[in-house]
Amino acid sequence: MKKGQLGIIEFKYFMTGLFIGLIAIIIVVGLGSAGTIPFKIPLVCG
C-alpha cells in the first residue's frame, strides 16, 4: 500500500465519524429541546 492511499482511507473514516457525530448531536439537541430527555444544552437551546 502506498502512502497516498492511506490518507484517503483515513479521510473516509474521519468523514464517516464526523457525519455520525453530527447526526447524534442533532438528535440529542432535538430531544432536549422537545423535553423528551431531562437535560438541555444552554448554548444551543437558549
Protein backbone atom coordinates (compact mmCIF):
# COMPACT_ATOMS: atom_id res chain seq x y z
CA MET A 1 0.00 0.00 0.00
CA LYS A 2 1.33 3.39 -0.97
CA LYS A 3 1.39 6.32 1.41
CA GLY A 4 -1.12 8.30 -0.68
CA GLN A 5 -3.78 5.62 -0.36
CA LEU A 6 -3.60 5.60 3.43
CA GLY A 7 -4.62 9.26 3.63
CA ILE A 8 -7.73 8.62 1.53
CA ILE A 9 -8.81 5.72 3.75
CA GLU A 10 -8.21 7.75 6.92
CA PHE A 11 -10.14 10.67 5.42
CA LYS A 12 -13.07 8.37 4.64
CA TYR A 13 -13.18 7.12 8.24
CA PHE A 14 -12.88 10.70 9.51
CA MET A 15 -15.80 11.87 7.37
CA THR A 16 -17.92 8.88 8.43
CA GLY A 17 -17.24 9.59 12.11
CA LEU A 18 -17.95 13.29 11.68
CA PHE A 19 -21.24 12.55 9.90
CA ILE A 20 -22.41 10.09 12.58
CA GLY A 21 -21.35 12.54 15.30
CA LEU A 22 -23.32 15.38 13.73
CA ILE A 23 -26.44 13.23 13.45
CA ALA A 24 -26.08 12.17 17.10
CA ILE A 25 -25.70 15.81 18.22
CA ILE A 26 -28.77 16.88 16.22
CA ILE A 27 -30.84 14.05 17.76
CA VAL A 28 -29.71 14.91 21.32
CA VAL A 29 -30.35 18.63 20.85
CA GLY A 30 -33.75 17.90 19.27
CA LEU A 31 -34.81 15.65 22.14
CA GLY A 32 -33.52 18.15 24.69
CA SER A 33 -35.49 20.98 23.08
CA ALA A 34 -38.65 18.88 22.94
CA GLY A 35 -38.27 17.94 26.61
CA THR A 36 -38.07 14.20 25.91
CA ILE A 37 -34.79 13.91 27.80
CA PRO A 38 -34.24 15.79 31.07
CA PHE A 39 -31.12 17.80 30.23
CA LYS A 40 -30.65 20.74 27.86
CA ILE A 41 -27.62 22.31 26.24
CA PRO A 42 -27.83 26.00 27.23
CA LEU A 43 -25.78 27.34 24.31
CA VAL A 44 -27.91 25.67 21.68
CA CYS A 45 -31.36 25.64 23.26
CA GLY A 46 -31.10 29.10 24.80
